[in-house]
């Protein structure tokens, strides 16, 4: 088995809470790669990469279901099922770009507001 880390280390490395990681395990979004003899969750670098995908989707407003959908597509691509996966990934990328543009626009408005307040 590859090198593993406990949930606390994974939380530290990602800036996510233990509660969130446990919830992701409960709903099947991020299942640990193994368990210690004492029953503690064990995560690998692959699990860390999956969690970073999830963490990067959160600010764009993706639902847990959508996160799971993308992870399944990434798994399919890793398994060699590239034709359909590539199409779905392109759709996800286009959607993520639109969401990012909306956030950039909101940030511009927030900056304008702050500048307006500074002039008062």
PDB file of N, CA and C in Angstrom:
ATOM      1  N   UNK A   1       0.860  -1.188   0.000  1.00  0.00           N
ATOM      2  CA  UNK A   1       0.000   0.000   0.000  1.00  0.00           C
ATOM      3  C   UNK A   1       0.898   1.239   0.000  1.00  0.00           C
ATOM      4  N   UNK A   2       0.503   2.281  -0.759  1.00  0.00           N
ATOM      5  CA  UNK A   2       1.292   3.516  -0.773  1.00  0.00           C
ATOM      6  C   UNK A   2       1.320   4.177   0.596  1.00  0.00           C
ATOM      7  N   UNK A   3       2.223   5.132   0.737  1.00  0.00           N
ATOM      8  CA  UNK A   3       2.334   5.868   1.986  1.00  0.00           C
ATOM      9  C   UNK A   3       0.987   6.521   2.316  1.00  0.00           C
ATOM     10  N   UNK A   4       0.640   6.491   3.592  1.00  0.00           N
ATOM     11  CA  UNK A   4      -0.673   7.009   4.004  1.00  0.00           C
ATOM     12  C   UNK A   4      -0.530   8.103   5.050  1.00  0.00           C
ATOM     13  N   UNK A   5      -1.636   8.808   5.239  1.00  0.00           N
ATOM     14  CA  UNK A   5      -1.700   9.837   6.279  1.00  0.00           C
ATOM     15  C   UNK A   5      -3.047   9.704   6.976  1.00  0.00           C
ATOM     16  N   UNK A   6      -3.075  10.132   8.221  1.00  0.00           N
ATOM     17  CA  UNK A   6      -4.327  10.142   8.976  1.00  0.00           C
ATOM     18  C   UNK A   6      -5.143  11.373   8.600  1.00  0.00           C
ATOM     19  N   UNK A   7      -6.374  11.384   9.015  1.00  0.00           N
ATOM     20  CA  UNK A   7      -7.303  12.451   8.671  1.00  0.00           C
ATOM     21  C   UNK A   7      -6.800  13.824   9.132  1.00  0.00           C
ATOM     22  N   UNK A   8      -6.118  13.881  10.270  1.00  0.00           N
ATOM     23  CA  UNK A   8      -5.606  15.155  10.774  1.00  0.00           C
ATOM     24  C   UNK A   8      -4.571  15.760   9.851  1.00  0.00           C
ATOM     25  N   UNK A   9      -3.689  14.925   9.330  1.00  0.00           N
ATOM     26  CA  UNK A   9      -2.674  15.418   8.394  1.00  0.00           C
ATOM     27  C   UNK A   9      -3.329  15.882   7.099  1.00  0.00           C
ATOM     28  N   UNK A  10      -4.306  15.115   6.626  1.00  0.00           N
ATOM     29  CA  UNK A  10      -5.023  15.510   5.414  1.00  0.00           C
ATOM     30  C   UNK A  10      -5.719  16.850   5.629  1.00  0.00           C
ATOM     31  N   UNK A  11      -6.336  17.022   6.764  1.00  0.00           N
ATOM     32  CA  UNK A  11      -6.995  18.294   7.091  1.00  0.00           C
ATOM     33  C   UNK A  11      -5.978  19.428   7.108  1.00  0.00           C
ATOM     34  N   UNK A  12      -4.832  19.209   7.728  1.00  0.00           N
ATOM     35  CA  UNK A  12      -3.790  20.238   7.787  1.00  0.00           C
ATOM     36  C   UNK A  12      -3.282  20.596   6.400  1.00  0.00           C
ATOM     37  N   UNK A  13      -3.092  19.598   5.565  1.00  0.00           N
ATOM     38  CA  UNK A  13      -2.524  19.834   4.235  1.00  0.00           C
ATOM     39  C   UNK A  13      -3.495  20.533   3.294  1.00  0.00           C
ATOM     40  N   UNK A  14      -4.782  20.426   3.582  1.00  0.00           N
ATOM     41  CA  UNK A  14      -5.777  21.018   2.683  1.00  0.00           C
ATOM     42  C   UNK A  14      -6.487  22.230   3.275  1.00  0.00           C
ATOM     43  N   UNK A  15      -6.326  22.439   4.584  1.00  0.00           N
ATOM     44  CA  UNK A  15      -7.040  23.539   5.222  1.00  0.00           C
ATOM     45  C   UNK A  15      -8.518  23.257   5.413  1.00  0.00           C
ATOM     46  N   UNK A  16      -8.890  22.004   5.359  1.00  0.00           N
ATOM     47  CA  UNK A  16     -10.289  21.622   5.542  1.00  0.00           C
ATOM     48  C   UNK A  16     -10.462  21.028   6.938  1.00  0.00           C
ATOM     49  N   UNK A  17     -11.680  21.100   7.435  1.00  0.00           N
ATOM     50  CA  UNK A  17     -11.934  20.622   8.791  1.00  0.00           C
ATOM     51  C   UNK A  17     -12.102  19.108   8.830  1.00  0.00           C
ATOM     52  N   UNK A  18     -11.832  18.545  10.010  1.00  0.00           N
ATOM     53  CA  UNK A  18     -12.060  17.112  10.215  1.00  0.00           C
ATOM     54  C   UNK A  18     -13.525  16.768   9.986  1.00  0.00           C
ATOM     55  N   UNK A  19     -14.392  17.651  10.449  1.00  0.00           N
ATOM     56  CA  UNK A  19     -15.830  17.412  10.303  1.00  0.00           C
ATOM     57  C   UNK A  19     -16.214  17.300   8.828  1.00  0.00           C
ATOM     58  N   UNK A  20     -15.663  18.193   7.997  1.00  0.00           N
ATOM     59  CA  UNK A  20     -15.957  18.155   6.566  1.00  0.00           C
ATOM     60  C   UNK A  20     -15.446  16.861   5.950  1.00  0.00           C
ATOM     61  N   UNK A  21     -14.235  16.465   6.309  1.00  0.00           N
ATOM     62  CA  UNK A  21     -13.672  15.236   5.751  1.00  0.00           C
ATOM     63  C   UNK A  21     -14.485  14.017   6.160  1.00  0.00           C
ATOM     64  N   UNK A  22     -14.934  13.997   7.395  1.00  0.00           N
ATOM     65  CA  UNK A  22     -15.777  12.877   7.840  1.00  0.00           C
ATOM     66  C   UNK A  22     -17.110  12.869   7.090  1.00  0.00           C
ATOM     67  N   UNK A  23     -17.656  14.050   6.876  1.00  0.00           N
ATOM     68  CA  UNK A  23     -18.917  14.149   6.130  1.00  0.00           C
ATOM     69  C   UNK A  23     -18.733  13.644   4.699  1.00  0.00           C
ATOM     70  N   UNK A  24     -17.637  14.043   4.058  1.00  0.00           N
ATOM     71  CA  UNK A  24     -17.372  13.570   2.698  1.00  0.00           C
ATOM     72  C   UNK A  24     -17.264  12.053   2.655  1.00  0.00           C
ATOM     73  N   UNK A  25     -16.689  11.458   3.691  1.00  0.00           N
ATOM     74  CA  UNK A  25     -16.604  10.003   3.768  1.00  0.00           C
ATOM     75  C   UNK A  25     -18.000   9.409   3.931  1.00  0.00           C
ATOM     76  N   UNK A  26     -18.803   9.989   4.810  1.00  0.00           N
ATOM     77  CA  UNK A  26     -20.151   9.467   5.066  1.00  0.00           C
ATOM     78  C   UNK A  26     -21.020   9.472   3.810  1.00  0.00           C
ATOM     79  N   UNK A  27     -20.875  10.495   2.964  1.00  0.00           N
ATOM     80  CA  UNK A  27     -21.716  10.591   1.764  1.00  0.00           C
ATOM     81  C   UNK A  27     -21.060   9.954   0.541  1.00  0.00           C
ATOM     82  N   UNK A  28     -19.841   9.411   0.727  1.00  0.00           N
ATOM     83  CA  UNK A  28     -19.173   8.716  -0.368  1.00  0.00           C
ATOM     84  C   UNK A  28     -18.439   9.619  -1.339  1.00  0.00           C
ATOM     85  N   UNK A  29     -18.260  10.877  -0.996  1.00  0.00           N
ATOM     86  CA  UNK A  29     -17.567  11.797  -1.900  1.00  0.00           C
ATOM     87  C   UNK A  29     -16.060  11.556  -1.867  1.00  0.00           C
ATOM     88  N   UNK A  30     -15.520  11.310  -0.692  1.00  0.00           N
ATOM     89  CA  UNK A  30     -14.086  11.039  -0.550  1.00  0.00           C
ATOM     90  C   UNK A  30     -13.920   9.912   0.459  1.00  0.00           C
ATOM     91  N   UNK A  31     -13.768   8.723  -0.043  1.00  0.00           N
ATOM     92  CA  UNK A  31     -13.617   7.554   0.808  1.00  0.00           C
ATOM     93  C   UNK A  31     -12.135   7.313   1.056  1.00  0.00           C
ATOM     94  N   UNK A  32     -11.741   7.106   2.303  1.00  0.00           N
ATOM     95  CA  UNK A  32     -10.329   6.825   2.573  1.00  0.00           C
ATOM     96  C   UNK A  32      -9.885   5.557   1.853  1.00  0.00           C
ATOM     97  N   UNK A  33      -8.611   5.527   1.506  1.00  0.00           N
ATOM     98  CA  UNK A  33      -8.075   4.345   0.816  1.00  0.00           C
ATOM     99  C   UNK A  33      -7.938   3.144   1.733  1.00  0.00           C
ATOM    100  N   UNK A  34      -7.965   3.382   3.033  1.00  0.00           N
ATOM    101  CA  UNK A  34      -7.832   2.270   3.956  1.00  0.00           C
ATOM    102  C   UNK A  34      -8.154   2.680   5.379  1.00  0.00           C
ATOM    103  N   UNK A  35      -7.973   1.730   6.259  1.00  0.00           N
ATOM    104  CA  UNK A  35      -8.184   1.941   7.696  1.00  0.00           C
ATOM    105  C   UNK A  35      -6.999   1.318   8.437  1.00  0.00           C
ATOM    106  N   UNK A  36      -6.635   1.970   9.531  1.00  0.00           N
ATOM    107  CA  UNK A  36      -5.570   1.407  10.367  1.00  0.00           C
ATOM    108  C   UNK A  36      -6.145   0.231  11.154  1.00  0.00           C
ATOM    109  N   UNK A  37      -5.283  -0.475  11.848  1.00  0.00           N
ATOM    110  CA  UNK A  37      -5.745  -1.594  12.683  1.00  0.00           C
ATOM    111  C   UNK A  37      -6.724  -1.098  13.740  1.00  0.00           C
ATOM    112  N   UNK A  38      -6.565   0.150  14.160  1.00  0.00           N
ATOM    113  CA  UNK A  38      -7.462   0.736  15.146  1.00  0.00           C
ATOM    114  C   UNK A  38      -8.721   1.345  14.540  1.00  0.00           C
ATOM    115  N   UNK A  39      -8.863   1.239  13.213  1.00  0.00           N
ATOM    116  CA  UNK A  39     -10.060   1.738  12.543  1.00  0.00           C
ATOM    117  C   UNK A  39      -9.982   3.190  12.082  1.00  0.00           C
ATOM    118  N   UNK A  40      -8.807   3.798  12.212  1.00  0.00           N
ATOM    119  CA  UNK A  40      -8.655   5.186  11.784  1.00  0.00           C
ATOM    120  C   UNK A  40      -8.551   5.273  10.261  1.00  0.00           C
ATOM    121  N   UNK A  41      -9.138   6.334   9.711  1.00  0.00           N
ATOM    122  CA  UNK A  41      -9.089   6.555   8.271  1.00  0.00           C
ATOM    123  C   UNK A  41      -7.650   6.790   7.830  1.00  0.00           C
ATOM    124  N   UNK A  42      -7.290   6.174   6.693  1.00  0.00           N
ATOM    125  CA  UNK A  42      -5.974   6.366   6.106  1.00  0.00           C
ATOM    126  C   UNK A  42      -6.143   6.870   4.680  1.00  0.00           C
ATOM    127  N   UNK A  43      -5.447   7.943   4.369  1.00  0.00           N
ATOM    128  CA  UNK A  43      -5.556   8.584   3.056  1.00  0.00           C
ATOM    129  C   UNK A  43      -4.216   8.544   2.342  1.00  0.00           C
ATOM    130  N   UNK A  44      -4.269   8.457   1.018  1.00  0.00           N
ATOM    131  CA  UNK A  44      -3.066   8.452   0.186  1.00  0.00           C
ATOM    132  C   UNK A  44      -2.938   9.793  -0.537  1.00  0.00           C
ATOM    133  N   UNK A  45      -1.846   9.942  -1.278  1.00  0.00           N
ATOM    134  CA  UNK A  45      -1.681  11.142  -2.093  1.00  0.00           C
ATOM    135  C   UNK A  45      -2.774  11.242  -3.161  1.00  0.00           C
ATOM    136  N   UNK A  46      -3.247  10.106  -3.662  1.00  0.00           N
ATOM    137  CA  UNK A  46      -4.369  10.140  -4.615  1.00  0.00           C
ATOM    138  C   UNK A  46      -5.623  10.716  -3.955  1.00  0.00           C
ATOM    139  N   UNK A  47      -5.858  10.335  -2.710  1.00  0.00           N
ATOM    140  CA  UNK A  47      -6.999  10.890  -1.972  1.00  0.00           C
ATOM    141  C   UNK A  47      -6.819  12.396  -1.785  1.00  0.00           C
ATOM    142  N   UNK A  48      -5.602  12.807  -1.497  1.00  0.00           N
ATOM    143  CA  UNK A  48      -5.305  14.230  -1.346  1.00  0.00           C
ATOM    144  C   UNK A  48      -5.614  14.971  -2.640  1.00  0.00           C
ATOM    145  N   UNK A  49      -5.195  14.427  -3.766  1.00  0.00           N
ATOM    146  CA  UNK A  49      -5.477  15.072  -5.060  1.00  0.00           C
ATOM    147  C   UNK A  49      -6.978  15.183  -5.303  1.00  0.00           C
ATOM    148  N   UNK A  50      -7.725  14.143  -4.976  1.00  0.00           N
ATOM    149  CA  UNK A  50      -9.190  14.184  -5.138  1.00  0.00           C
ATOM    150  C   UNK A  50      -9.795  15.282  -4.261  1.00  0.00           C
ATOM    151  N   UNK A  51      -9.296  15.364  -3.036  1.00  0.00           N
ATOM    152  CA  UNK A  51      -9.817  16.373  -2.121  1.00  0.00           C
ATOM    153  C   UNK A  51      -9.499  17.782  -2.623  1.00  0.00           C
ATOM    154  N   UNK A  52      -8.351  17.956  -3.221  1.00  0.00           N
ATOM    155  CA  UNK A  52      -8.004  19.270  -3.761  1.00  0.00           C
ATOM    156  C   UNK A  52      -8.920  19.652  -4.927  1.00  0.00           C
ATOM    157  N   UNK A  53      -9.352  18.676  -5.699  1.00  0.00           N
ATOM    158  CA  UNK A  53     -10.341  18.948  -6.757  1.00  0.00           C
ATOM    159  C   UNK A  53     -11.629  19.457  -6.116  1.00  0.00           C
ATOM    160  N   UNK A  54     -12.064  18.774  -5.084  1.00  0.00           N
ATOM    161  CA  UNK A  54     -13.284  19.171  -4.372  1.00  0.00           C
ATOM    162  C   UNK A  54     -13.125  20.580  -3.807  1.00  0.00           C
ATOM    163  N   UNK A  55     -12.005  20.820  -3.159  1.00  0.00           N
ATOM    164  CA  UNK A  55     -11.778  22.126  -2.540  1.00  0.00           C
ATOM    165  C   UNK A  55     -11.776  23.246  -3.572  1.00  0.00           C
ATOM    166  N   UNK A  56     -11.274  22.959  -4.746  1.00  0.00           N
ATOM    167  CA  UNK A  56     -11.234  23.984  -5.798  1.00  0.00           C
ATOM    168  C   UNK A  56     -12.605  24.205  -6.431  1.00  0.00           C
ATOM    169  N   UNK A  57     -13.489  23.242  -6.312  1.00  0.00           N
ATOM    170  CA  UNK A  57     -14.838  23.397  -6.859  1.00  0.00           C
ATOM    171  C   UNK A  57     -15.746  24.196  -5.930  1.00  0.00           C
ATOM    172  N   UNK A  58     -15.458  24.143  -4.628  1.00  0.00           N
ATOM    173  CA  UNK A  58     -16.330  24.792  -3.643  1.00  0.00           C
ATOM    174  C   UNK A  58     -16.546  26.279  -3.908  1.00  0.00           C
ATOM    175  N   UNK A  59     -15.482  27.075  -4.130  1.00  0.00           N
ATOM    176  CA  UNK A  59     -15.710  28.513  -4.326  1.00  0.00           C
ATOM    177  C   UNK A  59     -16.493  28.840  -5.589  1.00  0.00           C
ATOM    178  N   UNK A  60     -16.549  27.880  -6.509  1.00  0.00           N
ATOM    179  CA  UNK A  60     -17.306  28.104  -7.739  1.00  0.00           C
ATOM    180  C   UNK A  60     -18.774  27.727  -7.581  1.00  0.00           C
ATOM    181  N   UNK A  61     -19.134  27.263  -6.405  1.00  0.00           N
ATOM    182  CA  UNK A  61     -20.540  27.003  -6.112  1.00  0.00           C
ATOM    183  C   UNK A  61     -21.065  25.659  -6.576  1.00  0.00           C
ATOM    184  N   UNK A  62     -20.190  24.713  -6.819  1.00  0.00           N
ATOM    185  CA  UNK A  62     -20.657  23.392  -7.231  1.00  0.00           C
ATOM    186  C   UNK A  62     -21.264  22.660  -6.045  1.00  0.00           C
ATOM    187  N   UNK A  63     -22.302  21.904  -6.319  1.00  0.00           N
ATOM    188  CA  UNK A  63     -22.951  21.104  -5.277  1.00  0.00           C
ATOM    189  C   UNK A  63     -22.125  19.843  -5.026  1.00  0.00           C
ATOM    190  N   UNK A  64     -22.391  19.197  -3.900  1.00  0.00           N
ATOM    191  CA  UNK A  64     -21.708  17.938  -3.588  1.00  0.00           C
ATOM    192  C   UNK A  64     -21.990  16.898  -4.666  1.00  0.00           C
ATOM    193  N   UNK A  65     -23.198  16.902  -5.188  1.00  0.00           N
ATOM    194  CA  UNK A  65     -23.557  15.959  -6.257  1.00  0.00           C
ATOM    195  C   UNK A  65     -22.718  16.220  -7.510  1.00  0.00           C
ATOM    196  N   UNK A  66     -22.575  17.495  -7.866  1.00  0.00           N
ATOM    197  CA  UNK A  66     -21.772  17.835  -9.037  1.00  0.00           C
ATOM    198  C   UNK A  66     -20.304  17.472  -8.823  1.00  0.00           C
ATOM    199  N   UNK A  67     -19.822  17.651  -7.596  1.00  0.00           N
ATOM    200  CA  UNK A  67     -18.448  17.265  -7.285  1.00  0.00           C
ATOM    201  C   UNK A  67     -18.271  15.763  -7.488  1.00  0.00           C
ATOM    202  N   UNK A  68     -19.227  15.001  -7.003  1.00  0.00           N
ATOM    203  CA  UNK A  68     -19.180  13.551  -7.186  1.00  0.00           C
ATOM    204  C   UNK A  68     -19.227  13.164  -8.646  1.00  0.00           C
ATOM    205  N   UNK A  69     -20.051  13.876  -9.428  1.00  0.00           N
ATOM    206  CA  UNK A  69     -20.126  13.608 -10.870  1.00  0.00           C
ATOM    207  C   UNK A  69     -18.759  13.811 -11.527  1.00  0.00           C
ATOM    208  N   UNK A  70     -18.106  14.917 -11.187  1.00  0.00           N
ATOM    209  CA  UNK A  70     -16.799  15.181 -11.789  1.00  0.00           C
ATOM    210  C   UNK A  70     -15.782  14.128 -11.356  1.00  0.00           C
ATOM    211  N   UNK A  71     -15.782  13.749 -10.095  1.00  0.00           N
ATOM    212  CA  UNK A  71     -14.840  12.727  -9.634  1.00  0.00           C
ATOM    213  C   UNK A  71     -15.057  11.405 -10.364  1.00  0.00           C
ATOM    214  N   UNK A  72     -16.308  11.051 -10.621  1.00  0.00           N
ATOM    215  CA  UNK A  72     -16.586   9.815 -11.367  1.00  0.00           C
ATOM    216  C   UNK A  72     -16.055   9.914 -12.797  1.00  0.00           C
ATOM    217  N   UNK A  73     -16.181  11.086 -13.403  1.00  0.00           N
ATOM    218  CA  UNK A  73     -15.659  11.287 -14.755  1.00  0.00           C
ATOM    219  C   UNK A  73     -14.131  11.192 -14.742  1.00  0.00           C
ATOM    220  N   UNK A  74     -13.495  11.774 -13.745  1.00  0.00           N
ATOM    221  CA  UNK A  74     -12.041  11.683 -13.641  1.00  0.00           C
ATOM    222  C   UNK A  74     -11.600  10.236 -13.456  1.00  0.00           C
ATOM    223  N   UNK A  75     -12.358   9.472 -12.669  1.00  0.00           N
ATOM    224  CA  UNK A  75     -12.059   8.049 -12.485  1.00  0.00           C
ATOM    225  C   UNK A  75     -12.193   7.300 -13.811  1.00  0.00           C
ATOM    226  N   UNK A  76     -13.231   7.622 -14.576  1.00  0.00           N
ATOM    227  CA  UNK A  76     -13.440   6.973 -15.873  1.00  0.00           C
ATOM    228  C   UNK A  76     -12.287   7.308 -16.819  1.00  0.00           C
ATOM    229  N   UNK A  77     -11.842   8.551 -16.806  1.00  0.00           N
ATOM    230  CA  UNK A  77     -10.720   8.946 -17.656  1.00  0.00           C
ATOM    231  C   UNK A  77      -9.453   8.196 -17.250  1.00  0.00           C
ATOM    232  N   UNK A  78      -9.242   8.060 -15.943  1.00  0.00           N
ATOM    233  CA  UNK A  78      -8.070   7.311 -15.449  1.00  0.00           C
ATOM    234  C   UNK A  78      -8.140   5.842 -15.843  1.00  0.00           C
ATOM    235  N   UNK A  79      -9.363   5.314 -15.969  1.00  0.00           N
ATOM    236  CA  UNK A  79      -9.551   3.905 -16.324  1.00  0.00           C
ATOM    237  C   UNK A  79      -9.487   3.687 -17.837  1.00  0.00           C
ATOM    238  N   UNK A  80      -9.240   4.765 -18.583  1.00  0.00           N
ATOM    239  CA  UNK A  80      -9.106   4.626 -20.029  1.00  0.00           C
ATOM    240  C   UNK A  80     -10.364   4.894 -20.818  1.00  0.00           C
ATOM    241  N   UNK A  81     -11.436   5.227 -20.154  1.00  0.00           N
ATOM    242  CA  UNK A  81     -12.699   5.538 -20.841  1.00  0.00           C
ATOM    243  C   UNK A  81     -12.671   7.012 -21.234  1.00  0.00           C
ATOM    244  N   UNK A  82     -11.841   7.340 -22.216  1.00  0.00           N
ATOM    245  CA  UNK A  82     -11.519   8.739 -22.469  1.00  0.00           C
ATOM    246  C   UNK A  82     -12.490   9.472 -23.377  1.00  0.00           C
ATOM    247  N   UNK A  83     -13.139   8.822 -24.307  1.00  0.00           N
ATOM    248  CA  UNK A  83     -13.964   9.532 -25.276  1.00  0.00           C
ATOM    249  C   UNK A  83     -15.113  10.281 -24.610  1.00  0.00           C
ATOM    250  N   UNK A  84     -15.946   9.578 -23.882  1.00  0.00           N
ATOM    251  CA  UNK A  84     -17.069  10.224 -23.204  1.00  0.00           C
ATOM    252  C   UNK A  84     -16.570  11.129 -22.083  1.00  0.00           C
ATOM    253  N   UNK A  85     -15.564  10.668 -21.369  1.00  0.00           N
ATOM    254  CA  UNK A  85     -15.022  11.464 -20.260  1.00  0.00           C
ATOM    255  C   UNK A  85     -14.489  12.794 -20.767  1.00  0.00           C
ATOM    256  N   UNK A  86     -13.832  12.794 -21.896  1.00  0.00           N
ATOM    257  CA  UNK A  86     -13.273  14.035 -22.449  1.00  0.00           C
ATOM    258  C   UNK A  86     -14.385  15.042 -22.738  1.00  0.00           C
ATOM    259  N   UNK A  87     -15.487  14.573 -23.279  1.00  0.00           N
ATOM    260  CA  UNK A  87     -16.617  15.456 -23.586  1.00  0.00           C
ATOM    261  C   UNK A  87     -17.195  16.047 -22.311  1.00  0.00           C
ATOM    262  N   UNK A  88     -17.395  15.222 -21.304  1.00  0.00           N
ATOM    263  CA  UNK A  88     -17.947  15.696 -20.039  1.00  0.00           C
ATOM    264  C   UNK A  88     -16.973  16.661 -19.370  1.00  0.00           C
ATOM    265  N   UNK A  89     -15.681  16.361 -19.432  1.00  0.00           N
ATOM    266  CA  UNK A  89     -14.686  17.253 -18.855  1.00  0.00           C
ATOM    267  C   UNK A  89     -14.672  18.609 -19.551  1.00  0.00           C
ATOM    268  N   UNK A  90     -14.857  18.612 -20.855  1.00  0.00           N
ATOM    269  CA  UNK A  90     -14.936  19.880 -21.590  1.00  0.00           C
ATOM    270  C   UNK A  90     -16.142  20.682 -21.136  1.00  0.00           C
ATOM    271  N   UNK A  91     -17.255  20.007 -20.912  1.00  0.00           N
ATOM    272  CA  UNK A  91     -18.462  20.692 -20.417  1.00  0.00           C
ATOM    273  C   UNK A  91     -18.211  21.272 -19.020  1.00  0.00           C
ATOM    274  N   UNK A  92     -17.570  20.493 -18.155  1.00  0.00           N
ATOM    275  CA  UNK A  92     -17.251  20.981 -16.810  1.00  0.00           C
ATOM    276  C   UNK A  92     -16.331  22.199 -16.882  1.00  0.00           C
ATOM    277  N   UNK A  93     -15.342  22.125 -17.785  1.00  0.00           N
ATOM    278  CA  UNK A  93     -14.406  23.230 -17.904  1.00  0.00           C
ATOM    279  C   UNK A  93     -15.106  24.497 -18.374  1.00  0.00           C
ATOM    280  N   UNK A  94     -15.985  24.373 -19.351  1.00  0.00           N
ATOM    281  CA  UNK A  94     -16.729  25.538 -19.843  1.00  0.00           C
ATOM    282  C   UNK A  94     -17.591  26.133 -18.729  1.00  0.00           C
ATOM    283  N   UNK A  95     -18.242  25.268 -17.980  1.00  0.00           N
ATOM    284  CA  UNK A  95     -19.077  25.739 -16.876  1.00  0.00           C
ATOM    285  C   UNK A  95     -18.223  26.413 -15.803  1.00  0.00           C
ATOM    286  N   UNK A  96     -17.078  25.824 -15.479  1.00  0.00           N
ATOM    287  CA  UNK A  96     -16.188  26.409 -14.475  1.00  0.00           C
ATOM    288  C   UNK A  96     -15.681  27.779 -14.934  1.00  0.00           C
ATOM    289  N   UNK A  97     -15.403  27.924 -16.219  1.00  0.00           N
ATOM    290  CA  UNK A  97     -14.946  29.215 -16.748  1.00  0.00           C
ATOM    291  C   UNK A  97     -16.033  30.277 -16.596  1.00  0.00           C
ATOM    292  N   UNK A  98     -17.276  29.890 -16.871  1.00  0.00           N
ATOM    293  CA  UNK A  98     -18.395  30.831 -16.700  1.00  0.00           C
ATOM    294  C   UNK A  98     -18.539  31.239 -15.232  1.00  0.00           C
ATOM    295  N   UNK A  99     -18.437  30.269 -14.339  1.00  0.00           N
ATOM    296  CA  UNK A  99     -18.553  30.559 -12.901  1.00  0.00           C
ATOM    297  C   UNK A  99     -17.406  31.460 -12.440  1.00  0.00           C
ATOM    298  N   UNK A 100     -16.216  31.219 -12.957  1.00  0.00           N
ATOM    299  CA  UNK A 100     -15.071  32.042 -12.601  1.00  0.00           C
ATOM    300  C   UNK A 100     -15.272  33.474 -13.090  1.00  0.00           C
ATOM    301  N   UNK A 101     -15.783  33.625 -14.299  1.00  0.00           N
ATOM    302  CA  UNK A 101     -16.041  34.964 -14.842  1.00  0.00           C
ATOM    303  C   UNK A 101     -17.047  35.721 -13.981  1.00  0.00           C
ATOM    304  N   UNK A 102     -18.076  35.008 -13.511  1.00  0.00           N
ATOM    305  CA  UNK A 102     -19.061  35.656 -12.627  1.00  0.00           C
ATOM    306  C   UNK A 102     -18.406  36.119 -11.329  1.00  0.00           C
ATOM    307  N   UNK A 103     -17.559  35.276 -10.772  1.00  0.00           N
ATOM    308  CA  UNK A 103     -16.853  35.647  -9.543  1.00  0.00           C
ATOM    309  C   UNK A 103     -15.925  36.845  -9.784  1.00  0.00           C
ATOM    310  N   UNK A 104     -15.245  36.869 -10.927  1.00  0.00           N
ATOM    311  CA  UNK A 104     -14.355  37.988 -11.246  1.00  0.00           C
ATOM    312  C   UNK A 104     -15.151  39.281 -11.352  1.00  0.00           C
ATOM    313  N   UNK A 105     -16.323  39.193 -11.936  1.00  0.00           N
ATOM    314  CA  UNK A 105     -17.189  40.365 -12.045  1.00  0.00           C
ATOM    315  C   UNK A 105     -17.637  40.841 -10.668  1.00  0.00           C
ATOM    316  N   UNK A 106     -17.995  39.906  -9.807  1.00  0.00           N
ATOM    317  CA  UNK A 106     -18.396  40.263  -8.450  1.00  0.00           C
ATOM    318  C   UNK A 106     -17.228  40.895  -7.688  1.00  0.00           C
ATOM    319  N   UNK A 107     -16.035  40.395  -7.907  1.00  0.00           N
ATOM    320  CA  UNK A 107     -14.853  40.953  -7.259  1.00  0.00           C
ATOM    321  C   UNK A 107     -14.601  42.381  -7.734  1.00  0.00           C
ATOM    322  N   UNK A 108     -14.772  42.627  -9.019  1.00  0.00           N
ATOM    323  CA  UNK A 108     -14.633  43.987  -9.545  1.00  0.00           C
ATOM    324  C   UNK A 108     -15.621  44.935  -8.874  1.00  0.00           C
ATOM    325  N   UNK A 109     -16.867  44.472  -8.743  1.00  0.00           N
ATOM    326  CA  UNK A 109     -17.878  45.312  -8.088  1.00  0.00           C
ATOM    327  C   UNK A 109     -17.513  45.565  -6.631  1.00  0.00           C
ATOM    328  N   UNK A 110     -16.998  44.573  -5.953  1.00  0.00           N
ATOM    329  CA  UNK A 110     -16.589  44.749  -4.558  1.00  0.00           C
ATOM    330  C   UNK A 110     -15.439  45.748  -4.467  1.00  0.00           C
ATOM    331  N   UNK A 111     -14.485  45.677  -5.397  1.00  0.00           N
ATOM    332  CA  UNK A 111     -13.376  46.630  -5.410  1.00  0.00           C
ATOM    333  C   UNK A 111     -13.869  48.048  -5.649  1.00  0.00           C
ATOM    334  N   UNK A 112     -14.820  48.198  -6.573  1.00  0.00           N
ATOM    335  CA  UNK A 112     -15.397  49.522  -6.840  1.00  0.00           C
ATOM    336  C   UNK A 112     -16.091  50.064  -5.596  1.00  0.00           C
ATOM    337  N   UNK A 113     -16.792  49.192  -4.902  1.00  0.00           N
ATOM    338  CA  UNK A 113     -17.490  49.604  -3.683  1.00  0.00           C
ATOM    339  C   UNK A 113     -16.498  50.067  -2.626  1.00  0.00           C
ATOM    340  N   UNK A 114     -15.425  49.301  -2.457  1.00  0.00           N
ATOM    341  CA  UNK A 114     -14.399  49.684  -1.482  1.00  0.00           C
ATOM    342  C   UNK A 114     -13.757  51.027  -1.851  1.00  0.00           C
ATOM    343  N   UNK A 115     -13.494  51.233  -3.122  1.00  0.00           N
ATOM    344  CA  UNK A 115     -12.939  52.516  -3.552  1.00  0.00           C
ATOM    345  C   UNK A 115     -13.907  53.652  -3.266  1.00  0.00           C
ATOM    346  N   UNK A 116     -15.177  53.402  -3.496  1.00  0.00           N
ATOM    347  CA  UNK A 116     -16.198  54.420  -3.217  1.00  0.00           C
ATOM    348  C   UNK A 116     -16.211  54.750  -1.723  1.00  0.00           C
ATOM    349  N   UNK A 117     -16.124  53.744  -0.871  1.00  0.00           N
ATOM    350  CA  UNK A 117     -16.109  53.972   0.569  1.00  0.00           C
ATOM    351  C   UNK A 117     -14.850  54.744   0.995  1.00  0.00           C
ATOM    352  N   UNK A 118     -13.743  54.481   0.335  1.00  0.00           N
ATOM    353  CA  UNK A 118     -12.499  55.173   0.674  1.00  0.00           C
ATOM    354  C   UNK A 118     -12.582  56.668   0.338  1.00  0.00           C
ATOM    355  N   UNK A 119     -13.418  57.041  -0.628  1.00  0.00           N
ATOM    356  CA  UNK A 119     -13.560  58.443  -1.008  1.00  0.00           C
ATOM    357  C   UNK A 119     -14.486  59.227  -0.099  1.00  0.00           C
ATOM    358  N   UNK A 120     -15.202  58.527   0.735  1.00  0.00           N
ATOM    359  CA  UNK A 120     -16.171  59.201   1.628  1.00  0.00           C
ATOM    360  C   UNK A 120     -15.455  59.791   2.827  1.00  0.00           C
TER     361      UNK A 120
END
